[in-house]
Amino acid sequence: MYKKTFGYKNAITKEPIKIETNFYGASLSKSVFAVMVMQLVEKGILDLDKPLQEYLPKPIFDYKPTKKWHDKYVDLKNDPAYLKITTRMCLDHTSGFPNWRWDEPDEKLKVKSIPGSRYSYSGEGLVYLQVVIEHLLNKSLEQLMQENIFIPLKMKNSSYTWQPKFEKDYCIGHNVTGELYEKDKDNEARAASTLETTLDDYTLFTEAVLKNQLLTSSTTKEMFTQQIKIRSIAQFGPMRLKDSDSNDGINLGYGLGWGLLDSPYGFGAFKEGHGDGFQHYSIIFPQKGKGIIIMSNSDNAESIFKELLEITIGDIYTPWRWENYIPYDQKD
């Protein structure tokens, strides 16, 4: 195994990034949460295909919100399509929800496509699953992640909420001109987006997935089985609604919490992270026993991902155009 850090956690102070320096994980949150969910499936607590509303004694919109916004479901009161949404649909991004409710012109949550019918990346889907699980088990997301993932793997610097111990060593995000973003420390725990972690900790997680330390081999296999084929030209933006066969060669699709592709190395399972000042990418090839984790605190990072993947592990299969990882030296 090779681990190496480069650059600064703060371009002004010139403090170097270390392997134990905290990063905002952005959507790397989703794959970690997905593994915890699959543990609940293994235990028989969740059924992948049971509508999530059926786990609750009253409609999701009748629960009084306790968070700033993410557990507010009053918008679904007159949207019965949500009743079809299952755990599987949330994990493979076919819930029909938008990525985030504030992406909508009226900033209201709605089901935009028939649940289960089409891949459409959705943070809201993962958060809906989280909220149902929290009601069902009467435990917070943070408690569930600590008990099932972080403590067993000794991921001592990982959390879905900001912790005081992170103050001593954390990255600041930088925009495309190198200016600093203000560090967001007041996020409420959301399964889709609020993971704080380190290179060391996320490596422990990735190793555990590869070695079936958290799930049985059969559950891992199910997690890494394509649930929905992806034909969209791009993952985000207007081209997410238009289809082509450009990624048929790698059989691009989605499993349960992870993107999937085919390659001469066997299948690849990938997950991205993208937020203000933070851009990450991880891909593993379990049958080959190889992979890479790239974590960055710059809005420019994705422009070197294609080159990094090719040079480091010979990955010429990641769909960089679909991901919008346009190289710095290429106009698109």
Protein backbone atom coordinates (compact mmCIF):
# COMPACT_ATOMS: atom_id res chain seq x y z
CA MET A 1 0.00 0.00 0.00
CA TYR A 2 1.16 3.50 -0.86
CA LYS A 3 -0.11 6.57 0.99
CA LYS A 4 1.16 10.07 0.35
CA THR A 5 -0.04 13.61 0.97
CA PHE A 6 0.83 16.73 -0.97
CA GLY A 7 0.14 20.43 -0.58
CA TYR A 8 -1.42 22.53 2.11
CA LYS A 9 -4.45 22.29 4.32
CA ASN A 10 -4.48 26.09 4.27
CA ALA A 11 -2.78 27.95 1.42
CA ILE A 12 -2.24 31.04 3.56
CA THR A 13 -0.61 29.41 6.57
CA LYS A 14 1.17 26.81 4.38
CA GLU A 15 0.44 24.08 6.94
CA PRO A 16 0.99 20.72 5.21
CA ILE A 17 -1.69 18.07 4.80
CA LYS A 18 -0.94 14.84 6.69
CA ILE A 19 -2.56 11.42 6.43
CA GLU A 20 -4.40 12.10 9.68
CA THR A 21 -5.62 15.59 8.62
CA ASN A 22 -9.39 15.91 8.60
CA PHE A 23 -11.21 16.30 5.27
CA TYR A 24 -14.83 17.13 4.61
CA GLY A 25 -15.87 13.92 2.87
CA ALA A 26 -18.85 15.27 0.89
CA SER A 27 -20.54 12.39 -0.97
CA LEU A 28 -18.02 9.80 0.16
CA SER A 29 -20.57 9.82 2.98
CA LYS A 30 -22.96 7.80 0.82
CA SER A 31 -20.85 4.66 0.37
CA VAL A 32 -20.04 4.46 4.09
CA PHE A 33 -23.73 4.83 4.94
CA ALA A 34 -24.64 2.23 2.31
CA VAL A 35 -22.47 -0.38 4.01
CA MET A 36 -24.20 0.30 7.35
CA VAL A 37 -27.58 -0.04 5.62
CA MET A 38 -26.52 -3.39 4.13
CA GLN A 39 -25.64 -4.54 7.65
CA LEU A 40 -29.25 -3.81 8.64
CA VAL A 41 -30.41 -5.81 5.61
CA GLU A 42 -28.20 -8.72 6.69
CA LYS A 43 -29.77 -8.64 10.14
CA GLY A 44 -33.28 -8.67 8.69
CA ILE A 45 -34.10 -5.22 10.06
CA LEU A 46 -34.55 -3.83 6.56
CA ASP A 47 -35.88 -5.44 3.40
CA LEU A 48 -34.44 -3.91 0.24
CA ASP A 49 -37.81 -3.98 -1.51
CA LYS A 50 -40.26 -3.04 1.23
CA PRO A 51 -41.59 0.51 0.79
CA LEU A 52 -39.96 2.61 3.49
CA GLN A 53 -43.19 4.25 4.58
CA GLU A 54 -44.45 0.81 5.67
CA TYR A 55 -41.84 0.74 8.47
CA LEU A 56 -43.45 3.76 10.13
CA PRO A 57 -46.67 3.89 12.19
CA LYS A 58 -47.69 7.21 10.67
CA PRO A 59 -46.97 9.09 7.43
CA ILE A 60 -43.48 10.54 7.21
CA PHE A 61 -44.95 14.03 6.77
CA ASP A 62 -46.79 13.77 10.12
CA TYR A 63 -43.55 13.58 12.10
CA LYS A 64 -42.57 16.90 13.63
CA PRO A 65 -39.24 18.05 12.14
CA THR A 66 -36.40 18.29 14.64
CA LYS A 67 -33.67 19.41 12.24
CA LYS A 68 -33.12 22.62 10.28
CA TRP A 69 -34.63 21.22 7.10
CA HIS A 70 -33.70 17.70 6.09
CA ASP A 71 -36.39 15.79 8.04
CA LYS A 72 -39.22 18.06 6.88
CA TYR A 73 -41.51 16.05 4.59
CA VAL A 74 -44.70 18.12 4.51
CA ASP A 75 -44.19 18.56 0.75
CA LEU A 76 -44.94 14.84 0.26
CA LYS A 77 -48.43 15.07 1.74
CA ASN A 78 -50.01 15.34 -1.70
CA ASP A 79 -47.37 13.30 -3.54
CA PRO A 80 -48.38 9.61 -3.17
CA ALA A 81 -45.59 8.46 -5.50
CA TYR A 82 -43.23 8.55 -2.51
CA LEU A 83 -45.10 5.56 -1.05
CA LYS A 84 -43.36 3.32 -3.61
CA ILE A 85 -39.80 4.27 -2.56
CA THR A 86 -37.75 1.40 -1.11
CA THR A 87 -34.31 1.00 0.43
CA ARG A 88 -33.01 -0.37 -2.87
CA MET A 89 -34.24 2.69 -4.75
CA CYS A 90 -32.55 5.06 -2.32
CA LEU A 91 -29.24 3.21 -2.55
CA ASP A 92 -29.20 2.91 -6.35
CA HIS A 93 -30.47 6.47 -6.94
CA THR A 94 -33.79 5.56 -8.51
CA SER A 95 -36.01 7.10 -5.79
CA GLY A 96 -37.21 9.79 -8.18
CA PHE A 97 -36.24 12.57 -5.78
CA PRO A 98 -34.06 15.45 -7.05
CA ASN A 99 -30.50 15.62 -5.79
CA TRP A 100 -31.57 18.29 -3.27
CA ARG A 101 -34.88 20.05 -2.78
CA TRP A 102 -33.23 23.44 -3.18
CA ASP A 103 -32.36 22.48 -6.77
CA GLU A 104 -36.04 22.90 -7.55
CA PRO A 105 -37.39 26.34 -8.56
CA ASP A 106 -39.80 26.32 -5.59
CA GLU A 107 -37.27 24.52 -3.31
CA LYS A 108 -39.92 21.92 -2.44
CA LEU A 109 -39.29 18.19 -2.30
CA LYS A 110 -41.12 16.14 -4.90
CA VAL A 111 -40.92 12.82 -6.71
CA LYS A 112 -39.88 13.72 -10.25
CA SER A 113 -39.88 10.31 -11.92
CA ILE A 114 -41.53 6.95 -11.27
CA PRO A 115 -39.60 5.37 -8.36
CA GLY A 116 -37.37 2.56 -9.60
CA SER A 117 -37.53 3.60 -13.25
CA ARG A 118 -34.43 5.69 -13.89
CA TYR A 119 -31.04 6.52 -12.37
CA SER A 120 -30.98 10.08 -11.08
CA TYR A 121 -28.42 10.92 -8.41
CA SER A 122 -30.19 11.96 -5.24
CA GLY A 123 -28.87 13.03 -1.88
CA GLU A 124 -32.48 13.40 -0.78
CA GLY A 125 -33.04 9.69 -1.38
CA LEU A 126 -30.25 8.72 1.00
CA VAL A 127 -31.44 11.22 3.62
CA TYR A 128 -35.01 9.93 3.38
CA LEU A 129 -33.68 6.42 4.05
CA GLN A 130 -31.67 7.78 6.98
CA VAL A 131 -34.68 9.51 8.55
CA VAL A 132 -36.83 6.39 8.26
CA ILE A 133 -34.09 4.28 9.89
CA GLU A 134 -33.70 6.83 12.71
CA HIS A 135 -37.46 6.66 13.43
CA LEU A 136 -37.49 2.87 13.15
CA LEU A 137 -34.54 2.21 15.45
CA ASN A 138 -34.80 5.31 17.65
CA LYS A 139 -31.11 5.97 17.12
CA SER A 140 -29.36 8.87 15.42
CA LEU A 141 -27.34 8.48 12.26
CA GLU A 142 -24.18 9.36 14.19
CA GLN A 143 -24.87 6.69 16.81
CA LEU A 144 -25.53 4.06 14.14
CA MET A 145 -22.37 4.90 12.22
CA GLN A 146 -20.20 4.89 15.34
CA GLU A 147 -21.60 1.57 16.57
CA ASN A 148 -21.53 -0.26 13.24
CA ILE A 149 -18.64 1.25 11.26
CA PHE A 150 -16.36 3.74 12.98
CA ILE A 151 -15.74 2.02 16.34
CA PRO A 152 -15.33 -1.52 14.93
CA LEU A 153 -12.81 -0.26 12.36
CA LYS A 154 -11.08 2.13 14.79
CA MET A 155 -11.93 5.07 12.54
CA LYS A 156 -11.26 7.45 15.42
CA ASN A 157 -11.32 10.62 13.32
CA SER A 158 -14.56 10.06 11.43
CA SER A 159 -18.00 11.44 12.18
CA TYR A 160 -21.11 12.74 10.44
CA THR A 161 -20.96 15.86 12.59
CA TRP A 162 -18.12 18.23 13.40
CA GLN A 163 -16.22 17.21 16.54
CA PRO A 164 -14.07 19.48 18.73
CA LYS A 165 -11.11 17.10 18.32
CA PHE A 166 -11.01 17.93 14.60
CA GLU A 167 -9.99 21.50 15.41
CA LYS A 168 -6.34 20.58 15.83
CA ASP A 169 -5.82 19.38 12.24
CA TYR A 170 -8.29 19.97 9.40
CA CYS A 171 -8.33 21.09 5.78
CA ILE A 172 -9.80 24.31 4.50
CA GLY A 173 -11.42 24.18 1.06
CA HIS A 174 -10.03 26.38 -1.74
CA ASN A 175 -11.79 27.74 -4.81
CA VAL A 176 -10.40 27.73 -8.35
CA THR A 177 -8.25 30.83 -7.69
CA GLY A 178 -6.91 29.47 -4.40
CA GLU A 179 -9.04 31.59 -2.11
CA LEU A 180 -10.30 29.99 1.10
CA TYR A 181 -13.86 28.92 1.79
CA GLU A 182 -15.19 29.38 5.28
CA LYS A 183 -15.19 26.02 7.06
CA ASP A 184 -18.72 24.75 7.72
CA LYS A 185 -18.81 23.25 11.21
CA ASP A 186 -22.53 23.33 12.03
CA ASN A 187 -23.84 20.62 9.70
CA GLU A 188 -26.45 18.30 11.12
CA ALA A 189 -25.70 14.66 10.36
CA ARG A 190 -26.88 13.69 6.87
CA ALA A 191 -26.17 10.30 5.34
CA ALA A 192 -25.54 11.77 1.91
CA SER A 193 -23.09 14.52 2.62
CA THR A 194 -21.70 15.39 6.05
CA LEU A 195 -18.96 12.81 6.67
CA GLU A 196 -15.78 14.21 8.20
CA THR A 197 -12.89 11.79 7.81
CA THR A 198 -9.18 11.38 7.10
CA LEU A 199 -7.13 9.54 4.50
CA ASP A 200 -6.12 7.06 7.19
CA ASP A 201 -9.71 6.42 8.26
CA TYR A 202 -11.17 6.16 4.77
CA THR A 203 -8.40 3.71 3.89
CA LEU A 204 -9.46 1.55 6.85
CA PHE A 205 -13.04 1.62 5.54
CA THR A 206 -12.00 0.72 1.98
CA GLU A 207 -9.81 -2.15 3.18
CA ALA A 208 -12.68 -3.47 5.30
CA VAL A 209 -14.99 -3.48 2.28
CA LEU A 210 -12.42 -5.34 0.18
CA LYS A 211 -11.82 -7.90 2.94
CA ASN A 212 -15.50 -8.43 3.85
CA GLN A 213 -14.86 -7.29 7.42
CA LEU A 214 -18.17 -5.43 7.67
CA LEU A 215 -20.43 -7.58 5.49
CA THR A 216 -20.56 -11.20 4.43
CA SER A 217 -19.19 -11.96 0.98
CA SER A 218 -22.70 -12.62 -0.34
CA THR A 219 -23.98 -9.25 0.91
CA THR A 220 -20.93 -7.51 -0.54
CA LYS A 221 -21.62 -9.23 -3.84
CA GLU A 222 -25.21 -7.99 -3.77
CA MET A 223 -24.03 -4.46 -2.98
CA PHE A 224 -21.70 -4.62 -6.00
CA THR A 225 -24.33 -6.03 -8.37
CA GLN A 226 -25.73 -3.64 -10.96
CA GLN A 227 -29.26 -2.57 -10.04
CA ILE A 228 -29.79 -0.04 -12.81
CA LYS A 229 -27.97 0.60 -16.07
CA ILE A 230 -26.88 4.18 -16.64
CA ARG A 231 -27.36 5.62 -20.10
CA SER A 232 -27.30 9.34 -19.35
CA ILE A 233 -24.69 11.45 -21.15
CA ALA A 234 -23.65 13.10 -17.88
CA GLN A 235 -24.28 12.52 -14.20
CA PHE A 236 -25.36 16.10 -13.56
CA GLY A 237 -26.62 19.07 -15.50
CA PRO A 238 -28.97 19.11 -18.50
CA MET A 239 -27.22 16.11 -20.10
CA ARG A 240 -28.33 13.89 -17.19
CA LEU A 241 -31.74 13.80 -18.90
CA LYS A 242 -30.38 12.77 -22.31
CA ASP A 243 -29.24 9.25 -23.11
CA SER A 244 -26.56 7.72 -25.30
CA ASP A 245 -24.61 4.47 -25.64
CA SER A 246 -21.27 6.18 -24.91
CA ASN A 247 -20.70 4.21 -21.69
CA ASP A 248 -22.05 0.86 -22.86
CA GLY A 249 -18.48 -0.36 -23.35
CA ILE A 250 -17.89 -0.27 -19.61
CA ASN A 251 -21.45 -1.34 -18.75
CA LEU A 252 -21.86 1.73 -16.54
CA GLY A 253 -24.46 1.29 -13.85
CA TYR A 254 -25.21 1.62 -10.17
CA GLY A 255 -25.15 -0.90 -7.38
CA LEU A 256 -26.25 -0.31 -3.80
CA GLY A 257 -24.42 2.85 -2.78
CA TRP A 258 -21.65 2.58 -5.39
CA GLY A 259 -21.23 3.27 -9.08
CA LEU A 260 -20.15 0.23 -11.10
CA LEU A 261 -18.26 -0.38 -14.32
CA ASP A 262 -16.65 -3.29 -16.15
CA SER A 263 -12.95 -3.45 -17.04
CA PRO A 264 -10.19 -5.98 -17.78
CA TYR A 265 -9.46 -5.79 -14.03
CA GLY A 266 -12.96 -7.10 -13.33
CA PHE A 267 -15.71 -4.80 -12.11
CA GLY A 268 -14.85 -1.45 -10.58
CA ALA A 269 -16.83 0.11 -7.71
CA PHE A 270 -16.49 3.87 -7.40
CA LYS A 271 -17.72 6.78 -5.34
CA GLU A 272 -17.13 10.50 -5.77
CA GLY A 273 -17.23 13.41 -3.40
CA HIS A 274 -17.84 16.99 -4.49
CA GLY A 275 -18.49 20.06 -2.36
CA ASP A 276 -17.28 23.62 -2.12
CA GLY A 277 -13.48 23.34 -1.98
CA PHE A 278 -13.42 19.54 -1.73
CA GLN A 279 -13.23 17.05 -4.59
CA HIS A 280 -12.66 13.33 -4.02
CA TYR A 281 -12.75 10.07 -5.97
CA SER A 282 -12.34 6.46 -4.95
CA ILE A 283 -12.45 3.35 -7.12
CA ILE A 284 -11.70 -0.24 -6.17
CA PHE A 285 -11.32 -3.31 -8.35
CA PRO A 286 -12.05 -6.09 -5.83
CA GLN A 287 -11.24 -9.00 -8.16
CA LYS A 288 -7.82 -7.48 -8.86
CA GLY A 289 -7.26 -6.27 -5.29
CA LYS A 290 -6.35 -2.78 -6.38
CA GLY A 291 -7.78 0.68 -6.08
CA ILE A 292 -7.16 4.30 -5.25
CA ILE A 293 -8.48 7.00 -2.94
CA ILE A 294 -7.99 10.61 -4.04
CA MET A 295 -8.91 13.32 -1.54
CA SER A 296 -8.41 17.03 -2.17
CA ASN A 297 -9.25 20.44 -0.78
CA SER A 298 -9.37 22.34 -4.06
CA ASP A 299 -12.03 23.09 -6.66
CA ASN A 300 -9.36 22.42 -9.30
CA ALA A 301 -8.67 18.81 -8.30
CA GLU A 302 -11.06 17.05 -10.65
CA SER A 303 -9.11 18.44 -13.60
CA ILE A 304 -6.20 16.09 -12.75
CA PHE A 305 -8.24 13.00 -11.83
CA LYS A 306 -8.14 11.43 -15.32
CA GLU A 307 -4.37 11.72 -15.46
CA LEU A 308 -3.90 10.52 -11.88
CA LEU A 309 -6.06 7.45 -12.42
CA GLU A 310 -4.21 6.48 -15.59
CA ILE A 311 -0.71 6.99 -14.17
CA THR A 312 -1.23 5.47 -10.73
CA ILE A 313 -3.35 2.35 -11.30
CA GLY A 314 -3.83 2.18 -15.06
CA ASP A 315 -7.48 3.12 -14.78
CA ILE A 316 -8.59 4.27 -18.22
CA TYR A 317 -12.13 3.07 -17.55
CA THR A 318 -13.55 5.66 -15.15
CA PRO A 319 -16.11 7.61 -17.25
CA TRP A 320 -14.42 10.98 -16.82
CA ARG A 321 -16.64 12.82 -19.28
CA TRP A 322 -19.77 11.51 -17.56
CA GLU A 323 -18.27 12.64 -14.24
CA ASN A 324 -17.30 16.02 -15.78
CA TYR A 325 -13.66 15.43 -14.83
CA ILE A 326 -12.47 17.56 -17.74
CA PRO A 327 -8.63 17.65 -17.78
CA TYR A 328 -6.96 20.99 -17.10
CA ASP A 329 -5.23 20.90 -20.50
CA GLN A 330 -8.33 20.09 -22.50
CA LYS A 331 -11.15 22.34 -23.63
CA ASP A 332 -14.54 20.69 -23.69
